[in-house]
Amino acid sequence: MYQVMIIDDEKIVRKGIISLINWESLGFTICGEGTDGKDGLGKILRIQPDLVLVDIKMPGMNGIELIHKAQEQNFRGHFIILTGFSEFEFAKSAISLGVKGYLLKPIDEEELIDVLNQSREEFDQRERENVYRGENEEAAREEVLRKTVLQLESRDEIEKKLRVYHVDLSSKILCAAVVTCETMIPGTDNTHFKEKVNDFLKNPILYDEKIRLEDSVVLIKKGIDYKRWTKLLDHQNKRMIQKDGEGLLIAVGNNVSQWYDLPYSYEFARFLLKHEFLFYKASILSVDVIENQDEMAEKPTIEYLCLQLEVGDLEGIQRGMRQYRQYCMERMISEMEIKVQILYSLIQINERIEKHYEIDDICNIQELTKQLYVQDKLDDVLRTYYQILNDLCIKIGYDGSATVIRRIYYHMEKNYDQELHLETFAKMFHYNSNYLGKVFRKEIGDSFNNILDSIRITNAKRMLLETDLKVYQIAEQTGYKNLDYFYLKFKKYVGISPKEYIRHAQDDKQM
């Protein structure tokens, strides 16, 4: 975007000009406003805008004086004069100062757009002459595209250069693909690879733009879904394989709808290549070779894993591992980030379990770190993760012999301070919640909610006598977020209020 500054002593005029048109659609952005000549001059010299719209008649320092002083201090931006009819002849004399044009007040929308288009063309020509001096047009275009997919410059700068070199990426469907080969070695000749790529790219329907990098070629396709593009590339690659027994290694990124999101498509393609070992015998790598799911997978929460762990649901933990793998693949999570996430989850799980179980050294974090970081494949990392959780199940006493109801009850005793719902356990063990409630009542002797309240109030009574915690703190630590509700439940199960309970206990102790 080219920067524009508006200098006029009338605020209503400045705001009117700003709101008159869509500046960004024309390649401009408003970078500042000047309230008079002196204020405007200071801002011009500090910000160095590309274009200045300046009123000719202002108190203290008029527009002509401002232009003189700015140019004396080596300002090289363009000026457009804003003038009323009475100052028209005076304004025309400013052309000798290099002023690019003038606009009569009130400003006409079409005239303003015409002036801006003329200025932008001049700016673009300047860029063509200066930015890539000595390079041919094709090389310059490719360099702009390289900086686009690699995010080497700001969005505004890249957008400006895309326009200067007439690179049209305005399509609502864009996609990037990376073409390389297993034997490609950066810094070497790689003549064989270059020949194969040149042969591959003889078909112009395969791509709209190409970028040659040191170890690969990046292709960009407009107006076509990645699935259709994948089929086209796959067809061409298989023809090459049939011809000389060797094809290229190609990964197709996901669709994006804006040119500045192309780096995401490119990075996803790179990610697929980096994890090529996951995709057995795939001719072309795309998101479809990961897993076909109707919905995006979610990362299993610490609460979910702890729940599965403490009730001994090893199948549930395995489901969580599969879900997490899907989550990582769909979101392009790096191997290092995966390992950090897993290690963090184990630290949290360790702290959570230590809070409820009298077991020393549940997890040796240093040893876990070693186990995770020596793995060089995602599946191996996840198998290690599962084995650690399986070992934790054994450590906390789960041997698989308890019934589902007893496992639920055991969990309630240890985690009464958490938000617990029968529906959560029903979903976990694949039961209808009404049916599970009936089975729970039959085996335990009361409903799920009554048992949970009983456990919580029993622990509340203990805390009232053994700690110095306030009543509201005890309520929170026993799973009751509402103090009034806690009082109600306490009186239901104990027959008296918490304060009365403490007083009776003190009286009994003195007797």
Protein backbone atom coordinates (compact mmCIF):
# COMPACT_ATOMS: atom_id res chain seq x y z
CA MET A 1 0.00 0.00 0.00
CA TYR A 2 1.14 3.51 -0.78
CA GLN A 3 0.81 5.94 2.13
CA VAL A 4 -1.37 9.05 1.93
CA MET A 5 -1.45 12.06 4.29
CA ILE A 6 -4.25 14.65 4.30
CA ILE A 7 -3.48 18.19 5.51
CA ASP A 8 -6.34 20.65 5.96
CA ASP A 9 -7.23 22.99 8.81
CA GLU A 10 -10.91 21.95 8.61
CA LYS A 11 -11.54 18.63 10.37
CA ILE A 12 -14.84 18.09 8.51
CA VAL A 13 -12.99 18.33 5.19
CA ARG A 14 -10.31 15.81 6.25
CA LYS A 15 -12.84 13.29 7.52
CA GLY A 16 -15.02 13.80 4.45
CA ILE A 17 -12.12 12.98 2.11
CA ILE A 18 -11.15 9.91 4.15
CA SER A 19 -14.70 8.52 4.06
CA LEU A 20 -15.33 9.44 0.40
CA ILE A 21 -13.69 6.36 -1.19
CA ASN A 22 -12.31 2.90 -0.41
CA TRP A 23 -8.61 3.81 -0.27
CA GLU A 24 -7.28 0.27 0.12
CA SER A 25 -9.03 -0.94 -3.03
CA LEU A 26 -7.00 1.67 -4.93
CA GLY A 27 -3.72 0.64 -3.32
CA PHE A 28 -3.50 3.40 -0.71
CA THR A 29 -3.74 3.70 3.05
CA ILE A 30 -4.20 6.82 5.18
CA CYS A 31 -1.07 7.24 7.31
CA GLY A 32 -1.86 10.54 9.02
CA GLU A 33 -3.66 13.89 9.15
CA GLY A 34 -2.29 17.42 9.51
CA THR A 35 -4.38 20.12 11.20
CA ASP A 36 -2.48 23.05 9.60
CA GLY A 37 0.68 23.81 7.61
CA LYS A 38 3.11 23.66 10.53
CA ASP A 39 1.62 20.47 11.98
CA GLY A 40 1.47 18.87 8.54
CA LEU A 41 5.10 19.68 7.72
CA GLY A 42 6.33 17.99 10.88
CA LYS A 43 4.32 14.86 10.15
CA ILE A 44 5.45 14.76 6.50
CA LEU A 45 9.12 14.84 7.48
CA ARG A 46 8.61 12.22 10.19
CA ILE A 47 6.35 9.74 8.32
CA GLN A 48 7.56 10.31 4.72
CA PRO A 49 4.28 9.46 2.96
CA ASP A 50 4.15 8.67 -0.75
CA LEU A 51 1.35 11.15 -1.45
CA VAL A 52 0.16 14.32 0.33
CA LEU A 53 -3.22 15.98 -0.22
CA VAL A 54 -2.72 19.52 1.06
CA ASP A 55 -5.09 22.49 1.33
CA ILE A 56 -3.69 25.62 -0.28
CA LYS A 57 -5.27 28.07 2.20
CA MET A 58 -4.36 27.47 5.85
CA PRO A 59 -3.50 29.79 8.78
CA GLY A 60 0.16 30.33 9.68
CA MET A 61 1.65 28.38 6.76
CA ASN A 62 -0.24 27.91 3.50
CA GLY A 63 0.02 24.90 1.23
CA ILE A 64 2.58 26.45 -1.16
CA GLU A 65 4.88 27.37 1.72
CA LEU A 66 4.55 23.86 3.14
CA ILE A 67 5.52 22.28 -0.20
CA HIS A 68 8.57 24.60 -0.48
CA LYS A 69 9.81 23.76 3.01
CA ALA A 70 9.22 20.00 2.59
CA GLN A 71 11.16 19.91 -0.68
CA GLU A 72 13.97 21.96 0.82
CA GLN A 73 14.36 19.17 3.35
CA ASN A 74 14.56 16.53 0.61
CA PHE A 75 11.01 15.22 0.75
CA ARG A 76 10.36 13.42 -2.55
CA GLY A 77 6.73 12.41 -2.21
CA HIS A 78 3.94 13.64 -4.47
CA PHE A 79 1.67 16.58 -3.65
CA ILE A 80 -1.96 17.09 -4.69
CA ILE A 81 -3.36 20.59 -4.04
CA LEU A 82 -6.83 21.03 -2.49
CA THR A 83 -8.26 24.38 -3.46
CA GLY A 84 -11.42 26.44 -3.70
CA PHE A 85 -12.42 28.19 -6.91
CA SER A 86 -11.15 31.57 -5.69
CA GLU A 87 -7.60 30.19 -5.26
CA PHE A 88 -7.66 28.22 -8.50
CA GLU A 89 -5.18 30.39 -10.43
CA PHE A 90 -2.86 30.46 -7.42
CA ALA A 91 -3.03 26.67 -7.20
CA LYS A 92 -2.11 26.23 -10.88
CA SER A 93 1.13 28.14 -10.26
CA ALA A 94 2.15 25.34 -7.88
CA ILE A 95 2.62 22.98 -10.81
CA SER A 96 6.08 24.52 -11.21
CA LEU A 97 6.92 23.07 -7.79
CA GLY A 98 6.36 19.58 -9.03
CA VAL A 99 2.81 19.31 -7.73
CA LYS A 100 1.14 16.42 -9.53
CA GLY A 101 -2.33 17.91 -9.68
CA TYR A 102 -5.08 19.75 -7.93
CA LEU A 103 -8.63 19.07 -6.79
CA LEU A 104 -11.37 21.66 -6.51
CA LYS A 105 -13.47 21.75 -3.34
CA PRO A 106 -15.90 20.21 -2.73
CA ILE A 107 -13.95 17.09 -3.76
CA ASP A 108 -15.59 14.99 -6.48
CA GLU A 109 -15.29 11.23 -5.90
CA GLU A 110 -14.49 10.37 -9.54
CA GLU A 111 -11.89 13.13 -9.84
CA LEU A 112 -10.20 11.96 -6.66
CA ILE A 113 -10.07 8.38 -7.94
CA ASP A 114 -8.61 9.54 -11.27
CA VAL A 115 -5.86 11.50 -9.52
CA LEU A 116 -5.04 8.57 -7.26
CA ASN A 117 -4.90 6.12 -10.19
CA GLN A 118 -2.48 8.42 -12.01
CA SER A 119 -0.27 8.69 -8.92
CA ARG A 120 -0.32 4.94 -8.36
CA GLU A 121 0.77 4.28 -11.95
CA GLU A 122 3.72 6.62 -11.44
CA PHE A 123 4.61 4.91 -8.16
CA ASP A 124 4.37 1.50 -9.81
CA GLN A 125 6.61 2.58 -12.66
CA ARG A 126 9.10 3.86 -10.13
CA GLU A 127 9.07 0.49 -8.41
CA ARG A 128 9.61 -1.31 -11.71
CA GLU A 129 12.61 0.87 -12.42
CA ASN A 130 14.18 0.83 -8.97
CA VAL A 131 13.22 -2.20 -6.94
CA TYR A 132 14.62 -4.83 -9.26
CA ARG A 133 16.98 -2.76 -11.36
CA GLY A 134 18.96 -4.95 -13.75
CA GLU A 135 16.61 -7.95 -13.60
CA ASN A 136 14.29 -9.04 -16.38
CA GLU A 137 10.53 -8.97 -15.93
CA GLU A 138 10.16 -12.74 -15.47
CA ALA A 139 12.87 -12.89 -12.81
CA ALA A 140 11.33 -9.94 -10.99
CA ARG A 141 7.87 -11.53 -10.99
CA GLU A 142 9.28 -14.77 -9.65
CA GLU A 143 11.14 -12.92 -6.92
CA VAL A 144 7.91 -11.24 -5.83
CA LEU A 145 6.18 -14.61 -5.72
CA ARG A 146 9.05 -16.09 -3.72
CA LYS A 147 8.74 -13.34 -1.14
CA THR A 148 4.98 -13.95 -1.08
CA VAL A 149 5.05 -17.66 -0.24
CA LEU A 150 8.03 -17.29 2.11
CA GLN A 151 6.60 -14.19 3.84
CA LEU A 152 9.86 -12.26 3.42
CA GLU A 153 8.27 -8.82 3.36
CA SER A 154 5.27 -7.07 4.84
CA ARG A 155 1.84 -7.58 3.32
CA ASP A 156 1.71 -3.99 2.08
CA GLU A 157 5.08 -4.23 0.35
CA ILE A 158 4.25 -7.51 -1.33
CA GLU A 159 0.83 -6.30 -2.43
CA LYS A 160 2.47 -3.26 -4.00
CA LYS A 161 4.98 -5.39 -5.90
CA LEU A 162 2.37 -7.90 -7.05
CA ARG A 163 0.54 -5.01 -8.66
CA VAL A 164 3.71 -3.47 -10.10
CA TYR A 165 4.66 -6.70 -11.85
CA HIS A 166 1.12 -7.52 -12.89
CA VAL A 167 0.88 -10.72 -10.86
CA ASP A 168 -2.82 -11.52 -10.54
CA LEU A 169 -3.61 -13.52 -7.40
CA SER A 170 -7.12 -12.15 -6.98
CA SER A 171 -8.84 -15.55 -7.28
CA LYS A 172 -11.00 -16.71 -4.36
CA ILE A 173 -9.43 -20.16 -4.61
CA LEU A 174 -5.64 -20.39 -4.43
CA CYS A 175 -3.38 -23.31 -3.75
CA ALA A 176 0.35 -23.98 -3.57
CA ALA A 177 2.20 -27.20 -4.34
CA VAL A 178 5.83 -28.13 -3.73
CA VAL A 179 7.63 -30.27 -6.31
CA THR A 180 10.88 -31.98 -5.38
CA CYS A 181 12.46 -35.43 -5.32
CA GLU A 182 13.93 -37.71 -2.69
CA THR A 183 17.44 -37.27 -4.07
CA MET A 184 17.31 -33.46 -4.18
CA ILE A 185 20.34 -32.02 -2.35
CA PRO A 186 20.53 -28.23 -1.72
CA GLY A 187 23.77 -26.66 -2.90
CA THR A 188 24.51 -29.26 -5.57
CA ASP A 189 23.94 -29.27 -9.32
CA ASN A 190 20.84 -31.50 -9.30
CA THR A 191 20.71 -31.42 -13.10
CA HIS A 192 18.58 -34.57 -13.23
CA PHE A 193 15.92 -33.00 -11.01
CA LYS A 194 15.85 -29.81 -13.07
CA GLU A 195 15.39 -31.79 -16.28
CA LYS A 196 12.54 -33.80 -14.79
CA VAL A 197 10.80 -30.64 -13.50
CA ASN A 198 11.15 -28.92 -16.86
CA ASP A 199 9.62 -31.97 -18.52
CA PHE A 200 6.85 -32.04 -15.92
CA LEU A 201 6.01 -28.36 -16.42
CA LYS A 202 5.67 -28.55 -20.20
CA ASN A 203 1.92 -28.90 -19.64
CA PRO A 204 0.76 -25.27 -18.99
CA ILE A 205 -2.58 -26.39 -17.56
CA LEU A 206 -0.83 -27.70 -14.46
CA TYR A 207 -0.03 -24.32 -12.93
CA ASP A 208 -0.43 -20.54 -13.21
CA GLU A 209 2.76 -19.41 -11.49
CA LYS A 210 6.01 -21.12 -10.56
CA ILE A 211 8.83 -20.26 -8.16
CA ARG A 212 12.22 -21.99 -8.28
CA LEU A 213 13.77 -22.52 -4.86
CA GLU A 214 17.08 -24.14 -4.03
CA ASP A 215 15.63 -27.57 -3.24
CA SER A 216 12.27 -27.49 -4.98
CA VAL A 217 9.82 -25.75 -7.29
CA VAL A 218 6.67 -24.14 -5.91
CA LEU A 219 3.60 -24.11 -8.13
CA ILE A 220 0.57 -21.86 -7.66
CA LYS A 221 -2.85 -22.64 -9.11
CA LYS A 222 -5.83 -20.29 -9.25
CA GLY A 223 -9.55 -20.96 -9.38
CA ILE A 224 -9.43 -24.71 -8.83
CA ASP A 225 -10.01 -26.82 -5.72
CA TYR A 226 -6.94 -28.64 -4.41
CA LYS A 227 -8.68 -32.00 -4.94
CA ARG A 228 -9.08 -31.38 -8.69
CA TRP A 229 -5.58 -29.97 -8.92
CA THR A 230 -4.19 -33.01 -7.10
CA LYS A 231 -5.77 -35.27 -9.71
CA LEU A 232 -4.20 -33.27 -12.55
CA LEU A 233 -0.75 -33.37 -10.95
CA ASP A 234 -1.13 -37.03 -10.08
CA HIS A 235 -2.05 -37.90 -13.66
CA GLN A 236 1.02 -36.09 -15.01
CA ASN A 237 3.30 -37.66 -12.41
CA LYS A 238 2.09 -41.16 -13.19
CA ARG A 239 2.73 -40.56 -16.89
CA MET A 240 6.33 -39.71 -16.02
CA ILE A 241 6.63 -42.86 -13.91
CA GLN A 242 5.31 -44.98 -16.78
CA LYS A 243 7.71 -43.26 -19.17
CA ASP A 244 11.02 -43.65 -17.31
CA GLY A 245 10.15 -45.44 -14.07
CA GLU A 246 10.70 -42.39 -11.89
CA GLY A 247 8.39 -39.59 -10.84
CA LEU A 248 8.60 -36.51 -8.68
CA LEU A 249 7.70 -36.03 -5.04
CA ILE A 250 4.75 -33.60 -4.95
CA ALA A 251 2.72 -32.21 -2.07
CA VAL A 252 -0.37 -30.06 -2.49
CA GLY A 253 -1.33 -27.56 0.17
CA ASN A 254 -4.83 -26.67 1.28
CA ASN A 255 -7.09 -24.09 -0.37
CA VAL A 256 -6.85 -20.43 0.65
CA SER A 257 -9.05 -17.53 -0.37
CA GLN A 258 -6.57 -14.61 -0.19
CA TRP A 259 -3.14 -14.21 -1.73
CA TYR A 260 -1.57 -13.36 1.63
CA ASP A 261 -2.66 -16.78 2.96
CA LEU A 262 -0.64 -18.61 0.29
CA PRO A 263 2.21 -19.15 2.81
CA TYR A 264 -0.17 -21.38 4.81
CA SER A 265 -0.86 -23.52 1.76
CA TYR A 266 2.85 -23.64 0.97
CA GLU A 267 3.79 -24.53 4.57
CA PHE A 268 1.19 -27.28 4.65
CA ALA A 269 2.66 -28.78 1.48
CA ARG A 270 6.10 -28.59 3.11
CA PHE A 271 4.69 -30.24 6.20
CA LEU A 272 3.35 -33.13 4.14
CA LEU A 273 6.74 -33.62 2.51
CA LYS A 274 8.46 -33.48 5.88
CA HIS A 275 6.13 -36.24 7.13
CA GLU A 276 6.11 -38.22 3.92
CA PHE A 277 6.83 -41.40 5.91
CA LEU A 278 3.27 -41.29 7.28
CA PHE A 279 1.66 -41.57 3.87
CA TYR A 280 2.37 -44.98 2.48
CA LYS A 281 2.57 -45.27 -1.33
CA ALA A 282 0.90 -41.93 -1.98
CA SER A 283 1.81 -40.61 -5.45
CA ILE A 284 0.72 -37.06 -4.55
CA LEU A 285 0.50 -35.89 -0.96
CA SER A 286 -2.48 -33.82 0.10
CA VAL A 287 -4.69 -33.40 3.14
CA ASP A 288 -6.81 -36.31 1.87
CA VAL A 289 -4.06 -38.84 2.52
CA ILE A 290 -4.06 -38.03 6.23
CA GLU A 291 -7.55 -39.07 7.18
CA ASN A 292 -10.98 -38.35 5.83
CA GLN A 293 -13.08 -36.89 8.60
CA ASP A 294 -16.31 -34.91 8.37
CA GLU A 295 -15.25 -32.73 11.26
CA MET A 296 -11.95 -31.40 12.48
CA ALA A 297 -10.51 -33.40 15.35
CA GLU A 298 -10.11 -31.74 18.72
CA LYS A 299 -7.15 -32.08 21.03
CA PRO A 300 -8.00 -34.31 24.04
CA THR A 301 -8.04 -32.18 27.17
CA ILE A 302 -6.09 -32.89 30.35
CA GLU A 303 -9.44 -33.45 32.06
CA TYR A 304 -10.41 -36.05 29.46
CA LEU A 305 -7.15 -37.97 29.80
CA CYS A 306 -7.23 -37.84 33.60
CA LEU A 307 -10.78 -39.13 33.61
CA GLN A 308 -9.92 -41.99 31.28
CA LEU A 309 -6.82 -42.73 33.30
CA GLU A 310 -8.48 -42.79 36.68
CA VAL A 311 -11.36 -44.99 35.64
CA GLY A 312 -8.99 -47.31 33.82
CA ASP A 313 -10.53 -46.87 30.39
CA LEU A 314 -7.54 -47.94 28.26
CA GLU A 315 -9.67 -48.11 25.13
CA GLY A 316 -10.70 -44.51 25.79
CA ILE A 317 -7.05 -43.51 26.09
CA GLN A 318 -6.32 -45.23 22.76
CA ARG A 319 -9.19 -43.30 21.19
CA GLY A 320 -7.66 -40.15 22.63
CA MET A 321 -4.32 -40.98 21.01
CA ARG A 322 -5.96 -41.47 17.61
CA GLN A 323 -7.87 -38.24 18.06
CA TYR A 324 -4.69 -36.38 18.98
CA ARG A 325 -2.85 -37.77 15.95
CA GLN A 326 -5.64 -36.50 13.72
CA TYR A 327 -5.55 -33.16 15.48
CA CYS A 328 -1.80 -32.81 14.87
CA MET A 329 -2.02 -33.73 11.21
CA GLU A 330 -4.94 -31.47 10.39
CA ARG A 331 -3.33 -28.47 12.05
CA MET A 332 0.20 -29.00 10.77
CA ILE A 333 1.60 -29.32 14.28
CA SER A 334 5.37 -29.69 14.20
CA GLU A 335 7.08 -32.65 15.79
CA MET A 336 8.75 -30.45 18.40
CA GLU A 337 5.47 -28.79 19.32
CA ILE A 338 3.81 -32.19 19.64
CA LYS A 339 6.50 -33.36 22.05
CA VAL A 340 6.23 -30.17 24.11
CA GLN A 341 2.43 -30.51 24.27
CA ILE A 342 2.65 -34.13 25.37
CA LEU A 343 5.31 -33.42 27.98
CA TYR A 344 3.25 -30.51 29.34
CA SER A 345 0.15 -32.72 29.53
CA LEU A 346 2.10 -35.37 31.46
CA ILE A 347 3.35 -32.76 33.93
CA GLN A 348 -0.25 -31.58 34.46
CA ILE A 349 -1.55 -35.13 34.80
CA ASN A 350 1.24 -35.88 37.26
CA GLU A 351 0.28 -32.90 39.43
CA ARG A 352 -3.40 -33.80 39.20
CA ILE A 353 -2.86 -37.41 40.29
CA GLU A 354 -0.39 -36.53 43.05
CA LYS A 355 -3.13 -34.33 44.51
CA HIS A 356 -5.48 -37.30 44.92
CA TYR A 357 -3.23 -40.36 45.32
CA GLU A 358 -0.64 -41.06 47.99
CA ILE A 359 2.02 -42.25 45.56
CA ASP A 360 5.58 -40.96 45.49
CA ASP A 361 7.28 -40.22 42.19
CA ILE A 362 4.33 -40.98 39.94
CA CYS A 363 6.20 -39.68 36.92
CA ASN A 364 9.91 -39.11 36.50
CA ILE A 365 9.67 -36.04 34.25
CA GLN A 366 13.35 -36.15 33.30
CA GLU A 367 13.04 -39.75 32.18
CA LEU A 368 9.79 -39.03 30.32
CA THR A 369 11.51 -36.21 28.46
CA LYS A 370 14.22 -38.59 27.30
CA GLN A 371 11.68 -41.20 26.22
CA LEU A 372 9.73 -38.70 24.12
CA TYR A 373 12.57 -36.80 22.51
CA VAL A 374 14.49 -39.82 21.21
CA GLN A 375 11.52 -40.77 19.01
CA ASP A 376 11.71 -39.55 15.43
CA LYS A 377 8.26 -40.53 14.20
CA LEU A 378 4.86 -39.28 15.27
CA ASP A 379 3.39 -42.74 15.73
CA ASP A 380 6.33 -43.77 17.92
CA VAL A 381 5.85 -40.66 20.07
CA LEU A 382 2.16 -41.48 20.52
CA ARG A 383 2.91 -45.11 21.38
CA THR A 384 5.32 -43.90 24.05
CA TYR A 385 2.65 -41.48 25.31
CA TYR A 386 0.10 -44.29 25.56
CA GLN A 387 2.54 -46.62 27.34
CA ILE A 388 3.28 -43.94 29.94
CA LEU A 389 -0.44 -43.45 30.59
CA ASN A 390 -0.95 -47.22 30.74
CA ASP A 391 1.81 -47.48 33.36
CA LEU A 392 0.13 -44.69 35.34
CA CYS A 393 -3.10 -46.71 35.38
CA ILE A 394 -1.21 -49.53 37.06
CA LYS A 395 0.49 -47.21 39.54
CA ILE A 396 -2.76 -45.71 40.78
CA GLY A 397 -4.17 -49.17 41.36
CA TYR A 398 -6.35 -49.95 38.37
CA ASP A 399 -6.09 -53.65 37.52
CA GLY A 400 -9.11 -54.01 35.25
CA SER A 401 -11.10 -56.17 37.68
CA ALA A 402 -13.49 -53.50 39.00
CA THR A 403 -16.89 -53.01 37.40
CA VAL A 404 -17.64 -49.86 35.45
CA ILE A 405 -19.80 -48.57 38.32
CA ARG A 406 -17.05 -49.16 40.90
CA ARG A 407 -14.55 -47.40 38.68
CA ILE A 408 -16.91 -44.43 38.40
CA TYR A 409 -17.46 -44.39 42.17
CA TYR A 410 -13.71 -44.58 42.78
CA HIS A 411 -13.20 -41.60 40.50
CA MET A 412 -15.91 -39.62 42.30
CA GLU A 413 -14.19 -40.20 45.65
CA LYS A 414 -10.90 -38.83 44.32
CA ASN A 415 -12.23 -35.98 42.19
CA TYR A 416 -15.28 -34.66 44.05
CA ASP A 417 -13.89 -31.12 43.64
CA GLN A 418 -14.27 -31.37 39.85
CA GLU A 419 -17.38 -30.85 37.75
CA LEU A 420 -18.77 -34.38 37.39
CA HIS A 421 -21.78 -35.49 35.36
CA LEU A 422 -23.33 -38.90 34.79
CA GLU A 423 -23.68 -38.04 31.08
CA THR A 424 -19.89 -37.72 30.80
CA PHE A 425 -19.36 -41.27 32.09
CA ALA A 426 -22.21 -42.59 29.96
CA LYS A 427 -20.56 -41.21 26.83
CA MET A 428 -17.18 -42.56 27.89
CA PHE A 429 -18.41 -46.12 28.41
CA HIS A 430 -20.94 -46.01 25.55
CA TYR A 431 -24.04 -46.32 27.75
CA ASN A 432 -27.38 -44.61 27.63
CA SER A 433 -27.29 -42.13 30.54
CA ASN A 434 -30.70 -43.25 31.90
CA TYR A 435 -29.62 -46.88 31.83
CA LEU A 436 -26.29 -46.11 33.50
CA GLY A 437 -28.15 -44.18 36.21
CA LYS A 438 -30.34 -47.19 36.99
CA VAL A 439 -27.34 -49.54 37.12
CA PHE A 440 -25.47 -47.08 39.36
CA ARG A 441 -28.39 -46.88 41.81
CA LYS A 442 -28.73 -50.67 41.90
CA GLU A 443 -25.02 -51.30 42.61
CA ILE A 444 -24.22 -48.33 44.90
CA GLY A 445 -27.62 -47.96 46.55
CA ASP A 446 -28.45 -44.39 45.61
CA SER A 447 -28.50 -42.04 42.62
CA PHE A 448 -25.33 -40.61 41.08
CA ASN A 449 -26.10 -37.04 42.19
CA ASN A 450 -27.00 -38.06 45.77
CA ILE A 451 -23.81 -40.09 46.13
CA LEU A 452 -21.75 -37.21 44.73
CA ASP A 453 -23.36 -34.77 47.20
CA SER A 454 -22.75 -37.25 50.04
CA ILE A 455 -19.06 -37.55 49.16
CA ARG A 456 -18.70 -33.80 48.89
CA ILE A 457 -20.45 -33.04 52.19
CA THR A 458 -18.42 -35.74 53.99
CA ASN A 459 -15.24 -34.04 52.83
CA ALA A 460 -16.68 -30.62 53.69
CA LYS A 461 -17.28 -31.80 57.29
CA ARG A 462 -13.68 -32.99 57.48
CA MET A 463 -12.36 -29.66 56.18
CA LEU A 464 -14.49 -27.67 58.62
CA LEU A 465 -12.88 -29.48 61.57
CA GLU A 466 -9.33 -30.02 60.28
CA THR A 467 -8.55 -26.78 58.40
CA ASP A 468 -8.76 -23.02 58.92
CA LEU A 469 -10.47 -22.49 55.55
CA LYS A 470 -13.46 -20.20 55.33
CA VAL A 471 -16.84 -21.74 54.54
CA TYR A 472 -16.90 -20.27 51.03
CA GLN A 473 -13.42 -21.74 50.38
CA ILE A 474 -14.55 -25.17 51.50
CA ALA A 475 -17.60 -24.89 49.28
CA GLU A 476 -15.38 -24.20 46.27
CA GLN A 477 -12.95 -26.99 47.13
CA THR A 478 -15.73 -29.53 47.40
CA GLY A 479 -17.20 -28.72 43.98
CA TYR A 480 -19.89 -26.17 44.88
CA LYS A 481 -19.53 -22.92 42.98
CA ASN A 482 -22.61 -21.38 44.61
CA LEU A 483 -22.34 -20.78 48.37
CA ASP A 484 -26.11 -20.74 48.95
CA TYR A 485 -26.41 -24.09 47.19
CA PHE A 486 -23.64 -25.48 49.42
CA TYR A 487 -25.50 -24.33 52.56
CA LEU A 488 -28.67 -25.99 51.25
CA LYS A 489 -26.93 -29.32 50.57
CA PHE A 490 -25.01 -29.26 53.85
CA LYS A 491 -28.17 -28.75 55.88
CA LYS A 492 -29.93 -31.50 53.91
CA TYR A 493 -27.27 -34.10 54.72
CA VAL A 494 -26.10 -32.91 58.16
CA GLY A 495 -29.28 -31.33 59.52
CA ILE A 496 -27.58 -28.11 60.62
CA SER A 497 -25.57 -25.30 59.02
CA PRO A 498 -21.76 -25.45 58.66
CA LYS A 499 -21.23 -22.90 61.46
CA GLU A 500 -23.56 -24.83 63.78
CA TYR A 501 -21.68 -28.01 62.92
CA ILE A 502 -18.37 -26.42 63.94
CA ARG A 503 -19.88 -25.08 67.18
CA HIS A 504 -21.38 -28.48 68.13
CA ALA A 505 -18.05 -30.17 67.40
CA GLN A 506 -16.23 -27.68 69.64
CA ASP A 507 -18.77 -28.18 72.44
CA ASP A 508 -18.42 -31.96 72.23
CA LYS A 509 -14.64 -31.62 72.40
CA GLN A 510 -14.81 -29.52 75.60
CA MET A 511 -17.09 -31.97 77.36
